Amino acid sequence: MVKRAHGESVLSRVVRIFETFGPDTPALRVSDVARRADLHVATASRLIDELVGHGWLRRDPDRQVRVGVRLWELASRASPTLGLREAALPFMEDLHAVVGHHTQLAVLEDREVLFVERLSAPGAIVNVTRVAGRLPLHASSSGLVLLAHAPAELQEDVLASPLPAYRRTKLTEPARLRRFLADVRRDGYAYCAGFIDEETTGIAVPLRGPDGDVVAALSVIVPNDRNARMQIPALRAAARGISRTISH
């Protein structure tokens, strides 16, 4: 266990408490929070009680703790992606009606791709992504579009670092990834057939801001069949509409 500094701030402890929650751990016992946050149980219990009182955490009937609606409300209201989502949603809805499976909006966050919106449908093809979920940049079509248009320093940093396999991801060799990124810039889209699941194809295109820089990626997840490439024109048209809206 990592030993924390004696003079560590309360804020640092609160941050670690929130970081214990994730897609696979939406609700935890106090003792689990304490262990994951490297806090004494009494300290974790006291801080959790205060956070529950403010609505930032809440307790289930079985006494497990989860993130509170109040925190979601504050984060949504002040989110830097709010304007992007509002601009993109009308076009995403139209695109989703065409593809009938998954339509996604993602941004670059640190060295990962962060998904900020997703539209799906009953019976849609399998999809591992979720809103507020992250994936490695080299593992998905959205991440590859964002990496292909990222600053050169970030690209070289990623290429020089280990590229761990993620499910069926194919781009785990730097030379191959470099060639793929060049293809993305040349073609204007990333086409990833069977990269995460053998039955799916991810296709992503860049979204550009007022100065022409890539600010986000728009993607679809569709069945991995001969019809997958037929979705590219609709995806590009939606991206042009979103980019125009953002620019204005």
C-alpha atoms as a PDB file:
ATOM      1  CA  MET A   1       0.000   0.000   0.000  1.00  0.00           C
ATOM      2  CA  VAL A   2       1.260   3.470  -0.872  1.00  0.00           C
ATOM      3  CA  LYS A   3       1.950   5.625   2.169  1.00  0.00           C
ATOM      4  CA  ARG A   4       0.389   9.062   1.881  1.00  0.00           C
ATOM      5  CA  ALA A   5       2.028  12.184   3.219  1.00  0.00           C
ATOM      6  CA  HIS A   6       0.940  13.112   6.729  1.00  0.00           C
ATOM      7  CA  GLY A   7       0.022  16.636   5.634  1.00  0.00           C
ATOM      8  CA  GLU A   8      -2.103  15.537   2.686  1.00  0.00           C
ATOM      9  CA  SER A   9      -5.032  17.860   2.041  1.00  0.00           C
ATOM     10  CA  VAL A  10      -8.653  16.912   2.554  1.00  0.00           C
ATOM     11  CA  LEU A  11      -9.282  17.733  -1.095  1.00  0.00           C
ATOM     12  CA  SER A  12      -6.734  15.139  -2.224  1.00  0.00           C
ATOM     13  CA  ARG A  13      -8.494  12.531  -0.110  1.00  0.00           C
ATOM     14  CA  VAL A  14     -11.884  13.482  -1.531  1.00  0.00           C
ATOM     15  CA  VAL A  15     -10.526  13.218  -5.073  1.00  0.00           C
ATOM     16  CA  ARG A  16      -9.254   9.703  -4.347  1.00  0.00           C
ATOM     17  CA  ILE A  17     -12.664   8.751  -2.968  1.00  0.00           C
ATOM     18  CA  PHE A  18     -14.381   9.792  -6.186  1.00  0.00           C
ATOM     19  CA  GLU A  19     -11.769   8.019  -8.278  1.00  0.00           C
ATOM     20  CA  THR A  20     -12.689   4.691  -6.667  1.00  0.00           C
ATOM     21  CA  PHE A  21     -15.958   4.683  -8.621  1.00  0.00           C
ATOM     22  CA  GLY A  22     -16.019   3.548 -12.226  1.00  0.00           C
ATOM     23  CA  PRO A  23     -18.103   1.772 -14.863  1.00  0.00           C
ATOM     24  CA  ASP A  24     -17.490  -1.590 -13.204  1.00  0.00           C
ATOM     25  CA  THR A  25     -17.752  -0.264  -9.636  1.00  0.00           C
ATOM     26  CA  PRO A  26     -20.714   2.154  -9.541  1.00  0.00           C
ATOM     27  CA  ALA A  27     -21.533   1.265  -5.918  1.00  0.00           C
ATOM     28  CA  LEU A  28     -19.099   0.329  -3.137  1.00  0.00           C
ATOM     29  CA  ARG A  29     -19.096  -0.381   0.570  1.00  0.00           C
ATOM     30  CA  VAL A  30     -17.352   2.165   2.758  1.00  0.00           C
ATOM     31  CA  SER A  31     -14.627  -0.342   3.541  1.00  0.00           C
ATOM     32  CA  ASP A  32     -14.020  -0.884  -0.181  1.00  0.00           C
ATOM     33  CA  VAL A  33     -13.820   2.852  -0.786  1.00  0.00           C
ATOM     34  CA  ALA A  34     -11.318   3.172   2.057  1.00  0.00           C
ATOM     35  CA  ARG A  35      -9.166   0.363   0.689  1.00  0.00           C
ATOM     36  CA  ARG A  36      -9.235   1.629  -2.901  1.00  0.00           C
ATOM     37  CA  ALA A  37      -8.547   5.228  -1.819  1.00  0.00           C
ATOM     38  CA  ASP A  38      -5.823   4.171   0.620  1.00  0.00           C
ATOM     39  CA  LEU A  39      -7.604   5.783   3.570  1.00  0.00           C
ATOM     40  CA  HIS A  40      -8.324   4.687   7.107  1.00  0.00           C
ATOM     41  CA  VAL A  41     -11.905   3.418   7.304  1.00  0.00           C
ATOM     42  CA  ALA A  42     -12.824   6.046   9.899  1.00  0.00           C
ATOM     43  CA  THR A  43     -11.450   8.835   7.691  1.00  0.00           C
ATOM     44  CA  ALA A  44     -13.253   7.512   4.628  1.00  0.00           C
ATOM     45  CA  SER A  45     -16.503   7.126   6.577  1.00  0.00           C
ATOM     46  CA  ARG A  46     -16.337  10.713   7.879  1.00  0.00           C
ATOM     47  CA  LEU A  47     -15.628  12.190   4.445  1.00  0.00           C
ATOM     48  CA  ILE A  48     -18.315  10.055   2.813  1.00  0.00           C
ATOM     49  CA  ASP A  49     -20.874  11.231   5.382  1.00  0.00           C
ATOM     50  CA  GLU A  50     -20.064  14.861   4.517  1.00  0.00           C
ATOM     51  CA  LEU A  51     -20.252  14.202   0.784  1.00  0.00           C
ATOM     52  CA  VAL A  52     -23.588  12.439   1.186  1.00  0.00           C
ATOM     53  CA  GLY A  53     -24.843  15.460   3.111  1.00  0.00           C
ATOM     54  CA  HIS A  54     -23.940  17.696   0.161  1.00  0.00           C
ATOM     55  CA  GLY A  55     -25.522  15.324  -2.361  1.00  0.00           C
ATOM     56  CA  TRP A  56     -22.217  14.532  -4.059  1.00  0.00           C
ATOM     57  CA  LEU A  57     -22.504  10.916  -2.930  1.00  0.00           C
ATOM     58  CA  ARG A  58     -25.578   8.928  -1.940  1.00  0.00           C
ATOM     59  CA  ARG A  59     -26.265   5.768   0.031  1.00  0.00           C
ATOM     60  CA  ASP A  60     -28.308   2.891  -1.304  1.00  0.00           C
ATOM     61  CA  PRO A  61     -30.737   1.028   0.973  1.00  0.00           C
ATOM     62  CA  ASP A  62     -28.053  -1.649   1.429  1.00  0.00           C
ATOM     63  CA  ARG A  63     -25.667   1.091   2.673  1.00  0.00           C
ATOM     64  CA  GLN A  64     -23.451   0.962  -0.384  1.00  0.00           C
ATOM     65  CA  VAL A  65     -22.247   4.331  -1.648  1.00  0.00           C
ATOM     66  CA  ARG A  66     -22.415   5.730  -5.179  1.00  0.00           C
ATOM     67  CA  VAL A  67     -21.931   9.072  -6.942  1.00  0.00           C
ATOM     68  CA  GLY A  68     -24.808  11.436  -6.233  1.00  0.00           C
ATOM     69  CA  VAL A  69     -27.081  13.188  -8.692  1.00  0.00           C
ATOM     70  CA  ARG A  70     -25.911  16.578  -7.400  1.00  0.00           C
ATOM     71  CA  LEU A  71     -22.370  15.940  -8.621  1.00  0.00           C
ATOM     72  CA  TRP A  72     -23.681  14.855 -12.030  1.00  0.00           C
ATOM     73  CA  GLU A  73     -25.804  18.019 -12.164  1.00  0.00           C
ATOM     74  CA  LEU A  74     -22.865  20.310 -11.431  1.00  0.00           C
ATOM     75  CA  ALA A  75     -20.545  18.509 -13.841  1.00  0.00           C
ATOM     76  CA  SER A  76     -23.103  18.533 -16.660  1.00  0.00           C
ATOM     77  CA  ARG A  77     -23.921  22.197 -16.189  1.00  0.00           C
ATOM     78  CA  ALA A  78     -20.285  23.313 -16.380  1.00  0.00           C
ATOM     79  CA  SER A  79     -18.931  20.669 -18.755  1.00  0.00           C
ATOM     80  CA  PRO A  80     -16.562  22.024 -21.433  1.00  0.00           C
ATOM     81  CA  THR A  81     -18.178  19.560 -23.862  1.00  0.00           C
ATOM     82  CA  LEU A  82     -21.696  20.956 -23.339  1.00  0.00           C
ATOM     83  CA  GLY A  83     -21.589  23.251 -26.371  1.00  0.00           C
ATOM     84  CA  LEU A  84     -20.054  20.518 -28.511  1.00  0.00           C
ATOM     85  CA  ARG A  85     -22.768  18.037 -27.552  1.00  0.00           C
ATOM     86  CA  GLU A  86     -25.548  20.543 -28.193  1.00  0.00           C
ATOM     87  CA  ALA A  87     -24.132  21.321 -31.638  1.00  0.00           C
ATOM     88  CA  ALA A  88     -23.628  17.665 -32.514  1.00  0.00           C
ATOM     89  CA  LEU A  89     -26.831  16.025 -31.260  1.00  0.00           C
ATOM     90  CA  PRO A  90     -29.217  17.051 -34.077  1.00  0.00           C
ATOM     91  CA  PHE A  91     -26.787  15.703 -36.678  1.00  0.00           C
ATOM     92  CA  MET A  92     -26.053  12.612 -34.596  1.00  0.00           C
ATOM     93  CA  GLU A  93     -29.767  11.845 -34.404  1.00  0.00           C
ATOM     94  CA  ASP A  94     -30.105  12.068 -38.187  1.00  0.00           C
ATOM     95  CA  LEU A  95     -27.010   9.910 -38.674  1.00  0.00           C
ATOM     96  CA  HIS A  96     -28.254   7.396 -36.139  1.00  0.00           C
ATOM     97  CA  ALA A  97     -31.528   7.074 -38.035  1.00  0.00           C
ATOM     98  CA  VAL A  98     -29.486   6.111 -41.114  1.00  0.00           C
ATOM     99  CA  VAL A  99     -27.054   3.625 -39.554  1.00  0.00           C
ATOM    100  CA  GLY A 100     -29.484   2.132 -37.022  1.00  0.00           C
ATOM    101  CA  HIS A 101     -26.749   0.996 -34.652  1.00  0.00           C
ATOM    102  CA  HIS A 102     -24.389   3.273 -32.662  1.00  0.00           C
ATOM    103  CA  THR A 103     -23.383   6.897 -33.217  1.00  0.00           C
ATOM    104  CA  GLN A 104     -20.738   8.385 -30.918  1.00  0.00           C
ATOM    105  CA  LEU A 105     -19.036  11.658 -30.080  1.00  0.00           C
ATOM    106  CA  ALA A 106     -15.571  11.651 -28.519  1.00  0.00           C
ATOM    107  CA  VAL A 107     -12.790  14.031 -27.498  1.00  0.00           C
ATOM    108  CA  LEU A 108      -9.109  13.729 -26.688  1.00  0.00           C
ATOM    109  CA  GLU A 109      -8.456  13.679 -22.941  1.00  0.00           C
ATOM    110  CA  ASP A 110      -4.838  13.268 -21.837  1.00  0.00           C
ATOM    111  CA  ARG A 111      -3.669  10.207 -23.787  1.00  0.00           C
ATOM    112  CA  GLU A 112      -7.070   8.550 -24.094  1.00  0.00           C
ATOM    113  CA  VAL A 113     -10.273   8.995 -26.047  1.00  0.00           C
ATOM    114  CA  LEU A 114     -13.211  10.084 -23.890  1.00  0.00           C
ATOM    115  CA  PHE A 115     -16.737   9.415 -25.159  1.00  0.00           C
ATOM    116  CA  VAL A 116     -19.101  12.269 -24.323  1.00  0.00           C
ATOM    117  CA  GLU A 117     -22.248  11.134 -26.150  1.00  0.00           C
ATOM    118  CA  ARG A 118     -23.646   7.942 -27.658  1.00  0.00           C
ATOM    119  CA  LEU A 119     -26.887   7.068 -29.418  1.00  0.00           C
ATOM    120  CA  SER A 120     -27.869   3.402 -29.670  1.00  0.00           C
ATOM    121  CA  ALA A 121     -30.888   1.294 -30.534  1.00  0.00           C
ATOM    122  CA  PRO A 122     -32.475  -1.949 -29.327  1.00  0.00           C
ATOM    123  CA  GLY A 123     -30.844  -4.850 -31.096  1.00  0.00           C
ATOM    124  CA  ALA A 124     -27.818  -2.808 -32.184  1.00  0.00           C
ATOM    125  CA  ILE A 125     -24.486  -4.535 -32.704  1.00  0.00           C
ATOM    126  CA  VAL A 126     -22.250  -5.040 -29.647  1.00  0.00           C
ATOM    127  CA  ASN A 127     -20.397  -1.940 -28.450  1.00  0.00           C
ATOM    128  CA  VAL A 128     -17.954  -1.682 -25.532  1.00  0.00           C
ATOM    129  CA  THR A 129     -17.950   2.110 -25.301  1.00  0.00           C
ATOM    130  CA  ARG A 130     -20.181   4.125 -22.987  1.00  0.00           C
ATOM    131  CA  VAL A 131     -20.753   7.773 -22.153  1.00  0.00           C
ATOM    132  CA  ALA A 132     -17.923   9.026 -19.907  1.00  0.00           C
ATOM    133  CA  GLY A 133     -15.965   5.893 -20.789  1.00  0.00           C
ATOM    134  CA  ARG A 134     -12.408   5.890 -22.098  1.00  0.00           C
ATOM    135  CA  LEU A 135     -10.356   3.785 -24.479  1.00  0.00           C
ATOM    136  CA  PRO A 136      -6.689   3.838 -25.496  1.00  0.00           C
ATOM    137  CA  LEU A 137      -6.084   6.117 -28.469  1.00  0.00           C
ATOM    138  CA  HIS A 138      -4.755   3.293 -30.659  1.00  0.00           C
ATOM    139  CA  ALA A 139      -7.658   0.950 -29.928  1.00  0.00           C
ATOM    140  CA  SER A 140     -10.682   2.586 -31.583  1.00  0.00           C
ATOM    141  CA  SER A 141     -11.613   4.517 -34.712  1.00  0.00           C
ATOM    142  CA  SER A 142     -12.365   7.674 -32.695  1.00  0.00           C
ATOM    143  CA  GLY A 143      -9.057   7.500 -30.865  1.00  0.00           C
ATOM    144  CA  LEU A 144      -7.151   6.972 -34.092  1.00  0.00           C
ATOM    145  CA  VAL A 145      -8.763  10.026 -35.717  1.00  0.00           C
ATOM    146  CA  LEU A 146      -7.912  12.147 -32.683  1.00  0.00           C
ATOM    147  CA  LEU A 147      -4.364  10.808 -32.514  1.00  0.00           C
ATOM    148  CA  ALA A 148      -3.822  11.305 -36.249  1.00  0.00           C
ATOM    149  CA  HIS A 149      -4.621  15.015 -35.847  1.00  0.00           C
ATOM    150  CA  ALA A 150      -3.030  15.522 -32.438  1.00  0.00           C
ATOM    151  CA  PRO A 151       0.114  17.634 -31.969  1.00  0.00           C
ATOM    152  CA  ALA A 152       3.245  15.922 -33.266  1.00  0.00           C
ATOM    153  CA  GLU A 153       4.697  15.753 -29.753  1.00  0.00           C
ATOM    154  CA  LEU A 154       1.755  13.694 -28.508  1.00  0.00           C
ATOM    155  CA  GLN A 155       1.880  11.402 -31.530  1.00  0.00           C
ATOM    156  CA  GLU A 156       5.576  10.717 -31.036  1.00  0.00           C
ATOM    157  CA  ASP A 157       5.065  10.185 -27.316  1.00  0.00           C
ATOM    158  CA  VAL A 158       2.361   7.588 -27.984  1.00  0.00           C
ATOM    159  CA  LEU A 159       4.417   5.899 -30.703  1.00  0.00           C
ATOM    160  CA  ALA A 160       7.418   5.685 -28.366  1.00  0.00           C
ATOM    161  CA  SER A 161       5.369   4.168 -25.542  1.00  0.00           C
ATOM    162  CA  PRO A 162       4.120   0.590 -25.162  1.00  0.00           C
ATOM    163  CA  LEU A 163       0.983  -0.067 -27.235  1.00  0.00           C
ATOM    164  CA  PRO A 164      -0.834  -2.706 -25.197  1.00  0.00           C
ATOM    165  CA  ALA A 165      -3.298  -5.009 -26.889  1.00  0.00           C
ATOM    166  CA  TYR A 166      -6.940  -4.188 -26.215  1.00  0.00           C
ATOM    167  CA  ARG A 167      -9.314  -6.979 -27.177  1.00  0.00           C
ATOM    168  CA  ARG A 168      -8.663  -7.470 -30.904  1.00  0.00           C
ATOM    169  CA  THR A 169      -6.788  -4.190 -31.508  1.00  0.00           C
ATOM    170  CA  LYS A 170      -4.355  -4.639 -34.378  1.00  0.00           C
ATOM    171  CA  LEU A 171      -2.130  -1.559 -34.041  1.00  0.00           C
ATOM    172  CA  THR A 172       0.340  -2.616 -31.371  1.00  0.00           C
ATOM    173  CA  GLU A 173       3.500  -2.002 -33.434  1.00  0.00           C
ATOM    174  CA  PRO A 174       4.734   1.618 -33.765  1.00  0.00           C
ATOM    175  CA  ALA A 175       5.583   1.356 -37.473  1.00  0.00           C
ATOM    176  CA  ARG A 176       2.167  -0.040 -38.323  1.00  0.00           C
ATOM    177  CA  LEU A 177       0.397   2.567 -36.212  1.00  0.00           C
ATOM    178  CA  ARG A 178       2.379   5.365 -37.864  1.00  0.00           C
ATOM    179  CA  ARG A 179       1.316   4.135 -41.320  1.00  0.00           C
ATOM    180  CA  PHE A 180      -2.307   3.865 -40.203  1.00  0.00           C
ATOM    181  CA  LEU A 181      -2.309   7.441 -38.868  1.00  0.00           C
ATOM    182  CA  ALA A 182      -0.922   8.674 -42.193  1.00  0.00           C
ATOM    183  CA  ASP A 183      -3.758   6.847 -43.971  1.00  0.00           C
ATOM    184  CA  VAL A 184      -6.306   8.499 -41.662  1.00  0.00           C
ATOM    185  CA  ARG A 185      -4.979  11.951 -42.514  1.00  0.00           C
ATOM    186  CA  ARG A 186      -4.943  11.126 -46.235  1.00  0.00           C
ATOM    187  CA  ASP A 187      -8.387   9.470 -46.412  1.00  0.00           C
ATOM    188  CA  GLY A 188     -10.172  11.705 -43.912  1.00  0.00           C
ATOM    189  CA  TYR A 189     -11.510   8.839 -41.816  1.00  0.00           C
ATOM    190  CA  ALA A 190     -10.457   5.832 -39.731  1.00  0.00           C
ATOM    191  CA  TYR A 191     -11.922   2.488 -40.791  1.00  0.00           C
ATOM    192  CA  CYS A 192     -11.467  -0.225 -38.168  1.00  0.00           C
ATOM    193  CA  ALA A 193     -13.033  -3.531 -39.145  1.00  0.00           C
ATOM    194  CA  GLY A 194     -12.982  -6.086 -36.327  1.00  0.00           C
ATOM    195  CA  PHE A 195     -10.614  -4.035 -34.173  1.00  0.00           C
ATOM    196  CA  ILE A 196     -12.460  -4.498 -30.869  1.00  0.00           C
ATOM    197  CA  ASP A 197     -15.021  -7.169 -31.727  1.00  0.00           C
ATOM    198  CA  GLU A 198     -14.871  -9.373 -34.799  1.00  0.00           C
ATOM    199  CA  GLU A 199     -18.530  -8.646 -35.571  1.00  0.00           C
ATOM    200  CA  THR A 200     -18.204  -4.838 -35.572  1.00  0.00           C
ATOM    201  CA  THR A 201     -16.649  -2.088 -37.650  1.00  0.00           C
ATOM    202  CA  GLY A 202     -15.844   1.311 -36.192  1.00  0.00           C
ATOM    203  CA  ILE A 203     -15.634   4.265 -38.575  1.00  0.00           C
ATOM    204  CA  ALA A 204     -14.702   7.763 -37.367  1.00  0.00           C
ATOM    205  CA  VAL A 205     -14.197  11.183 -38.927  1.00  0.00           C
ATOM    206  CA  PRO A 206     -12.781  14.416 -37.486  1.00  0.00           C
ATOM    207  CA  LEU A 207     -14.825  17.413 -36.345  1.00  0.00           C
ATOM    208  CA  ARG A 208     -13.151  20.781 -36.813  1.00  0.00           C
ATOM    209  CA  GLY A 209     -13.485  24.019 -34.876  1.00  0.00           C
ATOM    210  CA  PRO A 210     -13.428  27.636 -36.096  1.00  0.00           C
ATOM    211  CA  ASP A 211      -9.670  27.610 -36.735  1.00  0.00           C
ATOM    212  CA  GLY A 212      -9.746  24.305 -38.607  1.00  0.00           C
ATOM    213  CA  ASP A 213      -8.195  22.284 -35.795  1.00  0.00           C
ATOM    214  CA  VAL A 214      -9.712  18.893 -34.976  1.00  0.00           C
ATOM    215  CA  VAL A 215     -11.680  19.225 -31.727  1.00  0.00           C
ATOM    216  CA  ALA A 216     -13.553  15.917 -31.600  1.00  0.00           C
ATOM    217  CA  ALA A 217     -14.354  12.717 -33.478  1.00  0.00           C
ATOM    218  CA  LEU A 218     -17.702  11.476 -34.744  1.00  0.00           C
ATOM    219  CA  SER A 219     -18.018   7.724 -35.185  1.00  0.00           C
ATOM    220  CA  VAL A 220     -20.412   4.902 -35.936  1.00  0.00           C
ATOM    221  CA  ILE A 221     -20.240   1.278 -34.842  1.00  0.00           C
ATOM    222  CA  VAL A 222     -21.899  -0.992 -37.399  1.00  0.00           C
ATOM    223  CA  PRO A 223     -21.835  -4.677 -38.368  1.00  0.00           C
ATOM    224  CA  ASN A 224     -18.581  -5.898 -39.883  1.00  0.00           C
ATOM    225  CA  ASP A 225     -19.926  -6.729 -43.315  1.00  0.00           C
ATOM    226  CA  ARG A 226     -19.796  -5.513 -46.921  1.00  0.00           C
ATOM    227  CA  ASN A 227     -22.267  -2.724 -46.154  1.00  0.00           C
ATOM    228  CA  ALA A 228     -20.067  -1.051 -43.534  1.00  0.00           C
ATOM    229  CA  ARG A 229     -18.275   1.260 -45.982  1.00  0.00           C
ATOM    230  CA  MET A 230     -21.624   2.490 -47.276  1.00  0.00           C
ATOM    231  CA  GLN A 231     -21.998   4.471 -44.013  1.00  0.00           C
ATOM    232  CA  ILE A 232     -18.986   6.716 -44.745  1.00  0.00           C
ATOM    233  CA  PRO A 233     -20.810   9.318 -46.899  1.00  0.00           C
ATOM    234  CA  ALA A 234     -23.515   9.846 -44.263  1.00  0.00           C
ATOM    235  CA  LEU A 235     -20.878  10.046 -41.532  1.00  0.00           C
ATOM    236  CA  ARG A 236     -18.904  12.654 -43.459  1.00  0.00           C
ATOM    237  CA  ALA A 237     -22.042  14.701 -44.195  1.00  0.00           C
ATOM    238  CA  ALA A 238     -22.958  14.759 -40.499  1.00  0.00           C
ATOM    239  CA  ALA A 239     -19.394  15.784 -39.610  1.00  0.00           C
ATOM    240  CA  ARG A 240     -19.524  18.682 -42.055  1.00  0.00           C
ATOM    241  CA  GLY A 241     -22.783  19.890 -40.525  1.00  0.00           C
ATOM    242  CA  ILE A 242     -21.423  19.688 -36.981  1.00  0.00           C
ATOM    243  CA  SER A 243     -18.181  21.426 -37.957  1.00  0.00           C
ATOM    244  CA  ARG A 244     -20.108  24.264 -39.594  1.00  0.00           C
ATOM    245  CA  THR A 245     -22.272  24.665 -36.495  1.00  0.00           C
ATOM    246  CA  ILE A 246     -19.233  24.721 -34.208  1.00  0.00           C
ATOM    247  CA  SER A 247     -17.468  27.231 -36.433  1.00  0.00           C
ATOM    248  CA  HIS A 248     -20.438  29.605 -36.395  1.00  0.00           C
END
